N, C-alpha and C. Protein backbone atom coordinates (compact mmCIF):
# COMPACT_ATOMS: atom_id res chain seq x y z
N MET A 1 -50.84 -12.32 42.75
CA MET A 1 -49.68 -11.37 42.72
C MET A 1 -50.03 -10.72 40.97
N TYR A 2 -49.55 -9.60 40.91
CA TYR A 2 -49.20 -9.51 39.06
C TYR A 2 -48.15 -9.88 39.07
N ALA A 3 -47.59 -10.26 37.28
CA ALA A 3 -46.93 -10.33 37.02
C ALA A 3 -45.43 -9.17 36.91
N THR A 4 -46.33 -7.96 36.84
CA THR A 4 -45.14 -6.81 36.53
C THR A 4 -44.58 -6.67 38.11
N GLN A 5 -45.39 -7.12 39.32
CA GLN A 5 -44.98 -6.66 40.70
C GLN A 5 -44.12 -8.12 40.72
N ALA A 6 -43.91 -9.08 39.83
CA ALA A 6 -43.43 -10.07 40.48
C ALA A 6 -41.97 -9.64 39.76
N LEU A 7 -42.00 -9.15 38.48
CA LEU A 7 -40.58 -8.90 37.58
C LEU A 7 -39.68 -7.72 38.78
N THR A 8 -40.90 -6.87 39.19
CA THR A 8 -39.56 -5.63 39.87
C THR A 8 -39.43 -6.80 41.08
N GLN A 9 -40.07 -7.19 41.90
CA GLN A 9 -39.11 -8.42 42.75
C GLN A 9 -37.78 -8.68 42.44
N LEU A 10 -37.56 -9.23 41.40
CA LEU A 10 -36.53 -9.78 40.85
C LEU A 10 -35.38 -9.04 39.92
N VAL A 11 -35.59 -7.35 39.84
CA VAL A 11 -35.21 -6.65 39.44
C VAL A 11 -33.67 -6.37 40.26
N PRO A 12 -33.78 -6.18 41.70
CA PRO A 12 -32.70 -6.00 42.58
C PRO A 12 -32.01 -7.17 42.74
N LEU A 13 -32.34 -8.51 42.27
CA LEU A 13 -31.34 -9.16 42.27
C LEU A 13 -30.38 -9.22 40.78
N ALA A 14 -31.30 -8.56 39.81
CA ALA A 14 -30.21 -8.77 38.50
C ALA A 14 -29.04 -7.84 38.42
N ALA A 15 -29.39 -6.54 39.43
CA ALA A 15 -29.04 -5.19 39.45
C ALA A 15 -27.24 -5.38 39.42
N ASP A 16 -27.00 -6.74 40.68
CA ASP A 16 -25.51 -6.55 40.43
C ASP A 16 -24.75 -7.20 39.38
N GLU A 17 -25.47 -8.01 38.66
CA GLU A 17 -25.21 -8.33 37.68
C GLU A 17 -24.96 -7.72 36.26
N LEU A 18 -25.92 -6.56 36.09
CA LEU A 18 -25.98 -6.35 34.99
C LEU A 18 -24.97 -4.81 34.80
N ASP A 19 -24.48 -5.24 33.35
CA ASP A 19 -23.64 -3.87 33.03
C ASP A 19 -23.99 -3.11 32.18
N LYS A 20 -24.11 -2.17 32.51
CA LYS A 20 -25.15 -0.99 31.68
C LYS A 20 -24.28 -0.66 30.54
N ASN A 21 -23.20 -1.07 30.08
CA ASN A 21 -22.39 -0.76 28.77
C ASN A 21 -22.80 -1.95 27.81
N LYS A 22 -23.21 -3.16 27.88
CA LYS A 22 -22.95 -4.51 27.18
C LYS A 22 -24.73 -4.72 27.22
N VAL A 23 -25.81 -4.22 27.56
CA VAL A 23 -27.53 -4.65 27.75
C VAL A 23 -27.64 -4.90 25.99
N THR A 24 -28.14 -5.98 25.88
CA THR A 24 -28.98 -6.67 25.02
C THR A 24 -30.02 -7.06 24.66
N PRO A 25 -30.99 -6.93 23.44
CA PRO A 25 -32.36 -7.38 24.05
C PRO A 25 -32.48 -9.04 24.54
N GLY A 26 -31.40 -9.96 24.18
CA GLY A 26 -31.68 -10.77 24.64
C GLY A 26 -32.67 -12.02 24.08
N VAL A 27 -33.12 -12.98 24.97
CA VAL A 27 -34.04 -13.90 24.22
C VAL A 27 -35.28 -13.32 23.76
N LEU A 28 -35.57 -12.48 24.71
CA LEU A 28 -37.29 -12.15 24.40
C LEU A 28 -37.17 -11.53 23.49
N GLY A 29 -36.20 -10.28 23.26
CA GLY A 29 -36.00 -9.65 21.95
C GLY A 29 -36.48 -10.80 20.64
N PHE A 30 -35.33 -11.78 20.92
CA PHE A 30 -35.51 -12.50 19.78
C PHE A 30 -36.40 -13.12 19.36
N LEU A 31 -37.10 -13.29 20.38
CA LEU A 31 -38.42 -14.43 20.24
C LEU A 31 -39.79 -13.14 19.42
N VAL A 32 -39.62 -12.06 19.97
CA VAL A 32 -40.37 -11.19 19.44
C VAL A 32 -40.19 -11.11 18.38
N PHE A 33 -39.02 -10.48 17.47
CA PHE A 33 -38.84 -10.52 16.58
C PHE A 33 -39.16 -11.53 15.54
N ALA A 34 -38.67 -12.79 16.08
CA ALA A 34 -38.75 -13.96 15.28
C ALA A 34 -40.40 -13.62 14.84
N ALA A 35 -41.64 -13.71 16.13
CA ALA A 35 -43.02 -13.77 16.22
C ALA A 35 -43.40 -12.98 15.00
N LEU A 36 -42.90 -11.81 14.77
CA LEU A 36 -42.89 -10.83 13.57
C LEU A 36 -42.84 -11.10 12.74
N ALA A 37 -41.66 -11.59 12.33
CA ALA A 37 -41.22 -12.22 11.05
C ALA A 37 -42.13 -13.19 10.41
N VAL A 38 -42.50 -13.95 11.03
CA VAL A 38 -43.30 -15.29 11.02
C VAL A 38 -45.04 -14.85 10.70
N GLY A 39 -45.20 -13.72 11.15
CA GLY A 39 -46.59 -13.42 11.25
C GLY A 39 -46.58 -12.42 10.09
N VAL A 40 -45.46 -11.71 9.51
CA VAL A 40 -45.50 -10.99 8.22
C VAL A 40 -45.27 -12.22 7.12
N TRP A 41 -44.41 -13.04 7.30
CA TRP A 41 -44.46 -14.42 6.35
C TRP A 41 -46.09 -14.63 5.75
N PHE A 42 -46.80 -15.31 7.07
CA PHE A 42 -48.01 -15.62 6.63
C PHE A 42 -49.06 -14.99 6.18
N LEU A 43 -48.97 -13.20 6.40
CA LEU A 43 -49.59 -12.55 5.97
C LEU A 43 -49.31 -12.17 4.15
N MET A 44 -47.74 -12.47 3.82
CA MET A 44 -47.66 -12.34 2.85
C MET A 44 -48.05 -13.76 1.67
N LYS A 45 -48.14 -14.53 2.19
CA LYS A 45 -48.41 -15.62 1.72
C LYS A 45 -50.04 -15.80 1.26
N SER A 46 -50.74 -15.39 2.43
CA SER A 46 -52.22 -14.96 2.26
C SER A 46 -52.45 -14.25 1.31
N MET A 47 -51.67 -12.90 1.12
CA MET A 47 -52.11 -12.09 -0.03
C MET A 47 -51.54 -12.27 -1.54
N ASN A 48 -50.69 -13.25 -1.31
CA ASN A 48 -50.45 -14.11 -2.87
C ASN A 48 -51.45 -14.79 -3.31
N ARG A 49 -52.06 -15.39 -1.97
CA ARG A 49 -53.28 -16.17 -2.54
C ARG A 49 -54.61 -15.84 -3.02
N HIS A 50 -54.78 -14.60 -2.16
CA HIS A 50 -56.15 -13.97 -2.13
C HIS A 50 -55.49 -12.87 -3.83
N MET A 51 -54.26 -12.53 -4.60
CA MET A 51 -54.13 -12.04 -5.31
C MET A 51 -54.58 -12.41 -6.49
N GLY A 52 -53.96 -14.24 -6.43
CA GLY A 52 -54.27 -15.20 -7.49
C GLY A 52 -55.62 -15.32 -7.79
N ARG A 53 -56.82 -15.21 -6.74
CA ARG A 53 -57.39 -15.44 -7.15
C ARG A 53 -58.45 -14.44 -7.66
N VAL A 54 -58.19 -13.37 -8.01
CA VAL A 54 -58.63 -11.90 -8.16
C VAL A 54 -58.76 -11.78 -10.02
N ASP A 55 -59.88 -11.68 -10.41
CA ASP A 55 -60.07 -12.36 -11.86
C ASP A 55 -60.38 -10.51 -12.11
N PHE A 56 -59.31 -9.77 -12.59
CA PHE A 56 -59.21 -8.48 -12.78
C PHE A 56 -59.00 -8.33 -14.58
N GLU A 57 -60.24 -7.87 -15.28
CA GLU A 57 -60.00 -7.20 -16.63
C GLU A 57 -59.84 -5.75 -16.46
N GLU A 58 -59.03 -5.28 -17.41
CA GLU A 58 -58.54 -3.91 -17.16
C GLU A 58 -59.94 -3.41 -18.50
N ALA A 59 -60.57 -2.60 -18.26
CA ALA A 59 -61.46 -1.91 -19.08
C ALA A 59 -60.64 -1.31 -20.19
N PRO A 60 -61.21 -1.14 -21.76
CA PRO A 60 -60.41 -0.57 -22.79
C PRO A 60 -60.50 1.11 -22.66
N ASP A 61 -59.44 1.62 -23.06
CA ASP A 61 -59.71 2.75 -22.90
C ASP A 61 -60.50 3.61 -23.80
N PRO A 62 -61.53 4.36 -23.40
CA PRO A 62 -62.30 4.98 -24.60
C PRO A 62 -61.52 5.76 -25.64
N ALA A 63 -60.66 6.49 -24.95
CA ALA A 63 -59.82 7.97 -26.13
C ALA A 63 -59.50 6.74 -27.17
N ALA A 64 -58.96 5.64 -26.95
CA ALA A 64 -58.10 4.62 -28.43
C ALA A 64 -59.37 3.69 -29.15
N GLU A 65 -59.36 4.31 -30.25
CA GLU A 65 -60.56 3.38 -31.40
C GLU A 65 -59.52 2.18 -31.42
N PRO A 66 -60.49 0.90 -31.42
CA PRO A 66 -59.85 -0.01 -31.98
C PRO A 66 -59.93 -0.28 -33.22
N ALA A 67 -59.03 -1.05 -34.13
CA ALA A 67 -59.00 -1.11 -35.48
C ALA A 67 -59.47 -2.83 -36.19
N ASP A 68 -60.34 -2.73 -37.06
CA ASP A 68 -61.06 -3.32 -37.63
C ASP A 68 -59.71 -4.32 -38.36
N SER A 69 -59.95 -5.63 -38.73
CA SER A 69 -59.09 -6.34 -39.80
C SER A 69 -58.76 -5.71 -41.31
N ASP A 70 -59.23 -4.58 -41.43
CA ASP A 70 -59.40 -3.51 -42.69
C ASP A 70 -58.23 -2.55 -42.11
N GLY A 71 -58.34 -2.42 -41.28
CA GLY A 71 -57.60 -1.13 -40.75
C GLY A 71 -58.16 0.48 -40.31
N GLU A 72 -59.56 -0.11 -40.43
CA GLU A 72 -60.12 1.18 -40.16
C GLU A 72 -60.59 0.71 -38.82
N ALA A 73 -61.36 1.94 -37.85
CA ALA A 73 -61.90 1.96 -36.40
C ALA A 73 -63.06 1.19 -36.53
N ALA A 74 -63.60 0.96 -35.84
CA ALA A 74 -65.12 0.25 -35.86
C ALA A 74 -65.46 1.06 -35.16
N PRO A 75 -67.23 0.84 -35.26
CA PRO A 75 -68.03 1.69 -34.93
C PRO A 75 -69.09 1.30 -33.24
N ALA A 76 -68.72 2.80 -32.85
CA ALA A 76 -69.43 2.56 -31.50
C ALA A 76 -70.14 1.37 -31.40
N ALA A 77 -71.24 1.48 -32.19
CA ALA A 77 -72.21 0.47 -32.06
C ALA A 77 -72.06 -0.86 -31.76
N GLY A 78 -71.07 -1.21 -32.68
CA GLY A 78 -70.41 -2.28 -33.18
C GLY A 78 -69.49 -2.92 -31.82
N ARG A 79 -68.44 -1.92 -31.26
CA ARG A 79 -68.10 -2.38 -30.32
C ARG A 79 -68.84 -2.59 -28.95
N ALA A 80 -70.03 -2.11 -28.97
CA ALA A 80 -71.18 -2.37 -27.54
C ALA A 80 -71.79 -3.75 -27.84
N ALA A 81 -71.68 -3.92 -29.17
CA ALA A 81 -72.58 -5.35 -29.39
C ALA A 81 -71.66 -6.95 -29.23
N ALA A 82 -70.53 -6.15 -29.38
CA ALA A 82 -69.14 -7.23 -29.52
C ALA A 82 -68.55 -7.85 -27.89
N SER A 83 -68.91 -6.61 -27.44
CA SER A 83 -68.37 -6.67 -25.56
C SER A 83 -69.42 -7.20 -24.97
N GLY A 84 -70.97 -7.06 -25.89
CA GLY A 84 -72.15 -7.96 -24.48
C GLY A 84 -72.26 -6.94 -24.50
N LYS A 85 -72.17 -5.55 -24.43
CA LYS A 85 -73.09 -4.35 -23.28
C LYS A 85 -74.22 -3.79 -24.40
N GLY A 86 -75.29 -3.29 -23.72
CA GLY A 86 -75.90 -2.81 -25.36
C GLY A 86 -77.37 -2.51 -24.53
């Protein structure tokens, strides 16, 4: 016998006690909500762990000219050599 068939057999037994104005989610609703909350908590914990491992270095803006210690803009060839690209 399937679970849905078993539940439909029990519905007429509870129909006498059921007040249609006071229907609540009950224990099953709470358990589903609690399971979802625990799942979201684990996902957020995992996301924070993964984001902590990311080694992200933002590329400099090509329109902005970095200044040397003299206050002058560095030549383009010097910037490429200093960054290790070339």
